[in-house]
């Protein structure tokens, strides 16, 4: 079952900041690659939510490495 992905305001703000930084410092190609990788991972997570590493079992927070410097954190509800 594919789950709906809902971004928090904070996550959306931070993600946009990362994109701005990548665009200014590294250019279009790096930014596009990062976007593509991110949305590929989000698609995988929406289909297989337990795929990421369990980071906090009490809050059911999982993580997935996007790049050397960026990790995506998420949680899902049953």
PDB file of N, CA and C in Angstrom:
ATOM      1  N   UNK A   1       0.838  -1.181   0.000  1.00  0.00           N
ATOM      2  CA  UNK A   1       0.000   0.000   0.000  1.00  0.00           C
ATOM      3  C   UNK A   1       0.885   1.247   0.000  1.00  0.00           C
ATOM      4  N   UNK A   2       0.647   2.141  -0.913  1.00  0.00           N
ATOM      5  CA  UNK A   2       1.397   3.384  -0.984  1.00  0.00           C
ATOM      6  C   UNK A   2       0.810   4.370   0.019  1.00  0.00           C
ATOM      7  N   UNK A   3       1.679   4.966   0.799  1.00  0.00           N
ATOM      8  CA  UNK A   3       1.245   5.932   1.808  1.00  0.00           C
ATOM      9  C   UNK A   3       1.450   7.347   1.303  1.00  0.00           C
ATOM     10  N   UNK A   4       0.614   8.243   1.788  1.00  0.00           N
ATOM     11  CA  UNK A   4       0.731   9.654   1.441  1.00  0.00           C
ATOM     12  C   UNK A   4       1.892  10.259   2.232  1.00  0.00           C
ATOM     13  N   UNK A   5       2.700  11.070   1.573  1.00  0.00           N
ATOM     14  CA  UNK A   5       3.813  11.754   2.227  1.00  0.00           C
ATOM     15  C   UNK A   5       3.385  13.186   2.512  1.00  0.00           C
ATOM     16  N   UNK A   6       3.483  13.577   3.777  1.00  0.00           N
ATOM     17  CA  UNK A   6       3.113  14.933   4.187  1.00  0.00           C
ATOM     18  C   UNK A   6       4.348  15.583   4.793  1.00  0.00           C
ATOM     19  N   UNK A   7       4.756  16.704   4.202  1.00  0.00           N
ATOM     20  CA  UNK A   7       5.929  17.434   4.678  1.00  0.00           C
ATOM     21  C   UNK A   7       5.497  18.406   5.772  1.00  0.00           C
ATOM     22  N   UNK A   8       6.274  18.469   6.853  1.00  0.00           N
ATOM     23  CA  UNK A   8       6.026  19.499   7.859  1.00  0.00           C
ATOM     24  C   UNK A   8       6.507  20.838   7.307  1.00  0.00           C
ATOM     25  N   UNK A   9       6.021  21.923   7.896  1.00  0.00           N
ATOM     26  CA  UNK A   9       6.469  23.253   7.463  1.00  0.00           C
ATOM     27  C   UNK A   9       7.974  23.405   7.649  1.00  0.00           C
ATOM     28  N   UNK A  10       8.469  22.898   8.758  1.00  0.00           N
ATOM     29  CA  UNK A  10       9.908  22.977   9.047  1.00  0.00           C
ATOM     30  C   UNK A  10      10.711  22.197   8.009  1.00  0.00           C
ATOM     31  N   UNK A  11      10.270  20.985   7.704  1.00  0.00           N
ATOM     32  CA  UNK A  11      10.981  20.159   6.723  1.00  0.00           C
ATOM     33  C   UNK A  11      10.980  20.833   5.360  1.00  0.00           C
ATOM     34  N   UNK A  12       9.846  21.380   4.965  1.00  0.00           N
ATOM     35  CA  UNK A  12       9.735  22.064   3.685  1.00  0.00           C
ATOM     36  C   UNK A  12      10.675  23.270   3.628  1.00  0.00           C
ATOM     37  N   UNK A  13      10.719  24.038   4.706  1.00  0.00           N
ATOM     38  CA  UNK A  13      11.595  25.209   4.777  1.00  0.00           C
ATOM     39  C   UNK A  13      13.069  24.800   4.678  1.00  0.00           C
ATOM     40  N   UNK A  14      13.459  23.789   5.425  1.00  0.00           N
ATOM     41  CA  UNK A  14      14.852  23.337   5.404  1.00  0.00           C
ATOM     42  C   UNK A  14      15.230  22.748   4.051  1.00  0.00           C
ATOM     43  N   UNK A  15      14.317  22.002   3.445  1.00  0.00           N
ATOM     44  CA  UNK A  15      14.588  21.425   2.127  1.00  0.00           C
ATOM     45  C   UNK A  15      14.796  22.529   1.091  1.00  0.00           C
ATOM     46  N   UNK A  16      13.954  23.543   1.131  1.00  0.00           N
ATOM     47  CA  UNK A  16      14.125  24.672   0.202  1.00  0.00           C
ATOM     48  C   UNK A  16      15.451  25.388   0.439  1.00  0.00           C
ATOM     49  N   UNK A  17      15.881  25.477   1.687  1.00  0.00           N
ATOM     50  CA  UNK A  17      17.178  26.072   1.992  1.00  0.00           C
ATOM     51  C   UNK A  17      18.327  25.261   1.411  1.00  0.00           C
ATOM     52  N   UNK A  18      18.218  23.946   1.490  1.00  0.00           N
ATOM     53  CA  UNK A  18      19.240  23.068   0.912  1.00  0.00           C
ATOM     54  C   UNK A  18      19.299  23.270  -0.600  1.00  0.00           C
ATOM     55  N   UNK A  19      18.136  23.326  -1.232  1.00  0.00           N
ATOM     56  CA  UNK A  19      18.087  23.523  -2.687  1.00  0.00           C
ATOM     57  C   UNK A  19      18.697  24.859  -3.092  1.00  0.00           C
ATOM     58  N   UNK A  20      18.401  25.898  -2.339  1.00  0.00           N
ATOM     59  CA  UNK A  20      18.979  27.215  -2.623  1.00  0.00           C
ATOM     60  C   UNK A  20      20.492  27.179  -2.501  1.00  0.00           C
ATOM     61  N   UNK A  21      20.978  26.563  -1.426  1.00  0.00           N
ATOM     62  CA  UNK A  21      22.424  26.439  -1.236  1.00  0.00           C
ATOM     63  C   UNK A  21      23.067  25.668  -2.392  1.00  0.00           C
ATOM     64  N   UNK A  22      22.495  24.534  -2.736  1.00  0.00           N
ATOM     65  CA  UNK A  22      23.061  23.728  -3.826  1.00  0.00           C
ATOM     66  C   UNK A  22      23.086  24.512  -5.135  1.00  0.00           C
ATOM     67  N   UNK A  23      22.015  25.213  -5.420  1.00  0.00           N
ATOM     68  CA  UNK A  23      21.935  25.991  -6.659  1.00  0.00           C
ATOM     69  C   UNK A  23      23.017  27.073  -6.693  1.00  0.00           C
ATOM     70  N   UNK A  24      23.187  27.786  -5.593  1.00  0.00           N
ATOM     71  CA  UNK A  24      24.166  28.877  -5.550  1.00  0.00           C
ATOM     72  C   UNK A  24      25.609  28.382  -5.560  1.00  0.00           C
ATOM     73  N   UNK A  25      25.870  27.315  -4.820  1.00  0.00           N
ATOM     74  CA  UNK A  25      27.244  26.838  -4.662  1.00  0.00           C
ATOM     75  C   UNK A  25      27.675  25.798  -5.690  1.00  0.00           C
ATOM     76  N   UNK A  26      26.739  24.988  -6.172  1.00  0.00           N
ATOM     77  CA  UNK A  26      27.118  23.849  -7.002  1.00  0.00           C
ATOM     78  C   UNK A  26      26.448  23.815  -8.380  1.00  0.00           C
ATOM     79  N   UNK A  27      25.397  24.607  -8.579  1.00  0.00           N
ATOM     80  CA  UNK A  27      24.799  24.711  -9.902  1.00  0.00           C
ATOM     81  C   UNK A  27      23.601  23.808 -10.140  1.00  0.00           C
ATOM     82  N   UNK A  28      23.080  23.939 -11.363  1.00  0.00           N
ATOM     83  CA  UNK A  28      21.844  23.257 -11.753  1.00  0.00           C
ATOM     84  C   UNK A  28      21.941  21.736 -11.705  1.00  0.00           C
ATOM     85  N   UNK A  29      23.005  21.182 -12.236  1.00  0.00           N
ATOM     86  CA  UNK A  29      23.101  19.727 -12.345  1.00  0.00           C
ATOM     87  C   UNK A  29      23.120  19.050 -10.985  1.00  0.00           C
ATOM     88  N   UNK A  30      23.896  19.571 -10.065  1.00  0.00           N
ATOM     89  CA  UNK A  30      23.958  18.992  -8.712  1.00  0.00           C
ATOM     90  C   UNK A  30      22.596  19.117  -8.032  1.00  0.00           C
ATOM     91  N   UNK A  31      21.947  20.259  -8.202  1.00  0.00           N
ATOM     92  CA  UNK A  31      20.630  20.476  -7.609  1.00  0.00           C
ATOM     93  C   UNK A  31      19.610  19.498  -8.184  1.00  0.00           C
ATOM     94  N   UNK A  32      19.614  19.322  -9.490  1.00  0.00           N
ATOM     95  CA  UNK A  32      18.689  18.369 -10.123  1.00  0.00           C
ATOM     96  C   UNK A  32      18.950  16.942  -9.652  1.00  0.00           C
ATOM     97  N   UNK A  33      20.211  16.570  -9.547  1.00  0.00           N
ATOM     98  CA  UNK A  33      20.550  15.222  -9.066  1.00  0.00           C
ATOM     99  C   UNK A  33      20.054  15.000  -7.640  1.00  0.00           C
ATOM    100  N   UNK A  34      20.227  16.014  -6.797  1.00  0.00           N
ATOM    101  CA  UNK A  34      19.765  15.917  -5.413  1.00  0.00           C
ATOM    102  C   UNK A  34      18.240  15.795  -5.360  1.00  0.00           C
ATOM    103  N   UNK A  35      17.548  16.601  -6.141  1.00  0.00           N
ATOM    104  CA  UNK A  35      16.088  16.522  -6.202  1.00  0.00           C
ATOM    105  C   UNK A  35      15.628  15.145  -6.661  1.00  0.00           C
ATOM    106  N   UNK A  36      16.254  14.641  -7.710  1.00  0.00           N
ATOM    107  CA  UNK A  36      15.882  13.332  -8.237  1.00  0.00           C
ATOM    108  C   UNK A  36      16.107  12.252  -7.196  1.00  0.00           C
ATOM    109  N   UNK A  37      17.261  12.255  -6.555  1.00  0.00           N
ATOM    110  CA  UNK A  37      17.569  11.264  -5.518  1.00  0.00           C
ATOM    111  C   UNK A  37      16.571  11.359  -4.366  1.00  0.00           C
ATOM    112  N   UNK A  38      16.273  12.581  -3.940  1.00  0.00           N
ATOM    113  CA  UNK A  38      15.340  12.774  -2.835  1.00  0.00           C
ATOM    114  C   UNK A  38      13.972  12.189  -3.154  1.00  0.00           C
ATOM    115  N   UNK A  39      13.442  12.506  -4.320  1.00  0.00           N
ATOM    116  CA  UNK A  39      12.098  12.032  -4.650  1.00  0.00           C
ATOM    117  C   UNK A  39      12.060  10.545  -4.986  1.00  0.00           C
ATOM    118  N   UNK A  40      13.171   9.979  -5.431  1.00  0.00           N
ATOM    119  CA  UNK A  40      13.246   8.527  -5.591  1.00  0.00           C
ATOM    120  C   UNK A  40      13.162   7.842  -4.226  1.00  0.00           C
ATOM    121  N   UNK A  41      13.876   8.397  -3.254  1.00  0.00           N
ATOM    122  CA  UNK A  41      13.857   7.843  -1.894  1.00  0.00           C
ATOM    123  C   UNK A  41      12.470   8.005  -1.282  1.00  0.00           C
ATOM    124  N   UNK A  42      11.848   9.172  -1.469  1.00  0.00           N
ATOM    125  CA  UNK A  42      10.510   9.394  -0.928  1.00  0.00           C
ATOM    126  C   UNK A  42       9.519   8.398  -1.536  1.00  0.00           C
ATOM    127  N   UNK A  43       9.654   8.131  -2.813  1.00  0.00           N
ATOM    128  CA  UNK A  43       8.778   7.141  -3.454  1.00  0.00           C
ATOM    129  C   UNK A  43       8.978   5.759  -2.827  1.00  0.00           C
ATOM    130  N   UNK A  44      10.235   5.375  -2.628  1.00  0.00           N
ATOM    131  CA  UNK A  44      10.519   4.091  -1.974  1.00  0.00           C
ATOM    132  C   UNK A  44       9.915   4.030  -0.576  1.00  0.00           C
ATOM    133  N   UNK A  45      10.077   5.111   0.181  1.00  0.00           N
ATOM    134  CA  UNK A  45       9.561   5.153   1.547  1.00  0.00           C
ATOM    135  C   UNK A  45       8.037   5.074   1.547  1.00  0.00           C
ATOM    136  N   UNK A  46       7.391   5.742   0.598  1.00  0.00           N
ATOM    137  CA  UNK A  46       5.926   5.701   0.555  1.00  0.00           C
ATOM    138  C   UNK A  46       5.423   4.286   0.270  1.00  0.00           C
ATOM    139  N   UNK A  47       6.204   3.502  -0.454  1.00  0.00           N
ATOM    140  CA  UNK A  47       5.823   2.125  -0.766  1.00  0.00           C
ATOM    141  C   UNK A  47       6.274   1.137   0.309  1.00  0.00           C
ATOM    142  N   UNK A  48       7.404   1.434   0.961  1.00  0.00           N
ATOM    143  CA  UNK A  48       7.991   0.546   1.978  1.00  0.00           C
ATOM    144  C   UNK A  48       8.447   1.390   3.169  1.00  0.00           C
ATOM    145  N   UNK A  49       7.524   1.825   4.022  1.00  0.00           N
ATOM    146  CA  UNK A  49       7.867   2.771   5.091  1.00  0.00           C
ATOM    147  C   UNK A  49       8.869   2.259   6.127  1.00  0.00           C
ATOM    148  N   UNK A  50       9.040   0.977   6.248  1.00  0.00           N
ATOM    149  CA  UNK A  50       9.984   0.453   7.234  1.00  0.00           C
ATOM    150  C   UNK A  50      11.381   0.270   6.658  1.00  0.00           C
ATOM    151  N   UNK A  51      11.614   0.811   5.479  1.00  0.00           N
ATOM    152  CA  UNK A  51      12.896   0.671   4.790  1.00  0.00           C
ATOM    153  C   UNK A  51      14.037   1.413   5.489  1.00  0.00           C
ATOM    154  N   UNK A  52      13.762   2.580   6.032  1.00  0.00           N
ATOM    155  CA  UNK A  52      14.806   3.391   6.655  1.00  0.00           C
ATOM    156  C   UNK A  52      15.282   2.832   7.976  1.00  0.00           C
ATOM    157  N   UNK A  53      16.401   3.328   8.437  1.00  0.00           N
ATOM    158  CA  UNK A  53      16.986   2.927   9.707  1.00  0.00           C
ATOM    159  C   UNK A  53      16.180   3.512  10.868  1.00  0.00           C
ATOM    160  N   UNK A  54      15.858   2.694  11.850  1.00  0.00           N
ATOM    161  CA  UNK A  54      15.119   3.166  13.019  1.00  0.00           C
ATOM    162  C   UNK A  54      16.048   4.044  13.854  1.00  0.00           C
ATOM    163  N   UNK A  55      15.697   5.321  13.956  1.00  0.00           N
ATOM    164  CA  UNK A  55      16.526   6.295  14.673  1.00  0.00           C
ATOM    165  C   UNK A  55      16.035   6.522  16.102  1.00  0.00           C
ATOM    166  N   UNK A  56      14.717   6.493  16.289  1.00  0.00           N
ATOM    167  CA  UNK A  56      14.129   6.704  17.607  1.00  0.00           C
ATOM    168  C   UNK A  56      12.888   5.808  17.701  1.00  0.00           C
ATOM    169  N   UNK A  57      13.004   4.721  18.427  1.00  0.00           N
ATOM    170  CA  UNK A  57      11.913   3.747  18.484  1.00  0.00           C
ATOM    171  C   UNK A  57      10.693   4.277  19.237  1.00  0.00           C
ATOM    172  N   UNK A  58      10.887   5.119  20.236  1.00  0.00           N
ATOM    173  CA  UNK A  58       9.760   5.656  21.002  1.00  0.00           C
ATOM    174  C   UNK A  58       8.852   6.528  20.137  1.00  0.00           C
ATOM    175  N   UNK A  59       9.439   7.308  19.247  1.00  0.00           N
ATOM    176  CA  UNK A  59       8.667   8.216  18.386  1.00  0.00           C
ATOM    177  C   UNK A  59       8.490   7.656  16.975  1.00  0.00           C
ATOM    178  N   UNK A  60       8.983   6.441  16.742  1.00  0.00           N
ATOM    179  CA  UNK A  60       8.892   5.771  15.447  1.00  0.00           C
ATOM    180  C   UNK A  60       9.505   6.623  14.330  1.00  0.00           C
ATOM    181  N   UNK A  61      10.657   7.210  14.605  1.00  0.00           N
ATOM    182  CA  UNK A  61      11.348   8.040  13.618  1.00  0.00           C
ATOM    183  C   UNK A  61      12.404   7.203  12.922  1.00  0.00           C
ATOM    184  N   UNK A  62      12.378   7.275  11.614  1.00  0.00           N
ATOM    185  CA  UNK A  62      13.328   6.543  10.775  1.00  0.00           C
ATOM    186  C   UNK A  62      14.151   7.534   9.978  1.00  0.00           C
ATOM    187  N   UNK A  63      15.278   7.077   9.461  1.00  0.00           N
ATOM    188  CA  UNK A  63      16.156   7.940   8.678  1.00  0.00           C
ATOM    189  C   UNK A  63      16.635   7.237   7.423  1.00  0.00           C
ATOM    190  N   UNK A  64      16.991   8.047   6.443  1.00  0.00           N
ATOM    191  CA  UNK A  64      17.495   7.526   5.178  1.00  0.00           C
ATOM    192  C   UNK A  64      18.560   8.488   4.666  1.00  0.00           C
ATOM    193  N   UNK A  65      19.724   7.982   4.331  1.00  0.00           N
ATOM    194  CA  UNK A  65      20.821   8.805   3.854  1.00  0.00           C
ATOM    195  C   UNK A  65      20.552   9.250   2.418  1.00  0.00           C
ATOM    196  N   UNK A  66      20.480  10.569   2.220  1.00  0.00           N
ATOM    197  CA  UNK A  66      20.262  11.131   0.885  1.00  0.00           C
ATOM    198  C   UNK A  66      21.591  11.396   0.180  1.00  0.00           C
ATOM    199  N   UNK A  67      22.516  11.948   0.931  1.00  0.00           N
ATOM    200  CA  UNK A  67      23.847  12.253   0.402  1.00  0.00           C
ATOM    201  C   UNK A  67      24.812  12.236   1.581  1.00  0.00           C
ATOM    202  N   UNK A  68      26.054  12.491   1.301  1.00  0.00           N
ATOM    203  CA  UNK A  68      27.075  12.482   2.349  1.00  0.00           C
ATOM    204  C   UNK A  68      26.724  13.447   3.490  1.00  0.00           C
ATOM    205  N   UNK A  69      26.050  14.546   3.159  1.00  0.00           N
ATOM    206  CA  UNK A  69      25.783  15.600   4.135  1.00  0.00           C
ATOM    207  C   UNK A  69      24.311  15.745   4.512  1.00  0.00           C
ATOM    208  N   UNK A  70      23.438  14.939   3.935  1.00  0.00           N
ATOM    209  CA  UNK A  70      22.005  15.108   4.178  1.00  0.00           C
ATOM    210  C   UNK A  70      21.336  13.776   4.479  1.00  0.00           C
ATOM    211  N   UNK A  71      20.544  13.789   5.535  1.00  0.00           N
ATOM    212  CA  UNK A  71      19.792  12.606   5.946  1.00  0.00           C
ATOM    213  C   UNK A  71      18.322  13.006   6.060  1.00  0.00           C
ATOM    214  N   UNK A  72      17.458  12.184   5.520  1.00  0.00           N
ATOM    215  CA  UNK A  72      16.024  12.423   5.578  1.00  0.00           C
ATOM    216  C   UNK A  72      15.471  11.669   6.776  1.00  0.00           C
ATOM    217  N   UNK A  73      14.737  12.375   7.638  1.00  0.00           N
ATOM    218  CA  UNK A  73      14.088  11.751   8.786  1.00  0.00           C
ATOM    219  C   UNK A  73      12.599  11.758   8.545  1.00  0.00           C
ATOM    220  N   UNK A  74      11.930  10.666   8.933  1.00  0.00           N
ATOM    221  CA  UNK A  74      10.498  10.576   8.733  1.00  0.00           C
ATOM    222  C   UNK A  74       9.884   9.638   9.750  1.00  0.00           C
ATOM    223  N   UNK A  75       8.571   9.716   9.847  1.00  0.00           N
ATOM    224  CA  UNK A  75       7.835   8.755  10.655  1.00  0.00           C
ATOM    225  C   UNK A  75       6.534   8.464   9.940  1.00  0.00           C
ATOM    226  N   UNK A  76       5.986   7.320  10.234  1.00  0.00           N
ATOM    227  CA  UNK A  76       4.721   6.943   9.620  1.00  0.00           C
ATOM    228  C   UNK A  76       3.791   6.402  10.691  1.00  0.00           C
ATOM    229  N   UNK A  77       2.521   6.503  10.402  1.00  0.00           N
ATOM    230  CA  UNK A  77       1.537   5.983  11.328  1.00  0.00           C
ATOM    231  C   UNK A  77       0.849   4.782  10.690  1.00  0.00           C
ATOM    232  N   UNK A  78       0.414   3.900  11.501  1.00  0.00           N
ATOM    233  CA  UNK A  78      -0.253   2.686  10.992  1.00  0.00           C
ATOM    234  C   UNK A  78      -1.679   2.951  10.614  1.00  0.00           C
TER     235      UNK A  78
END
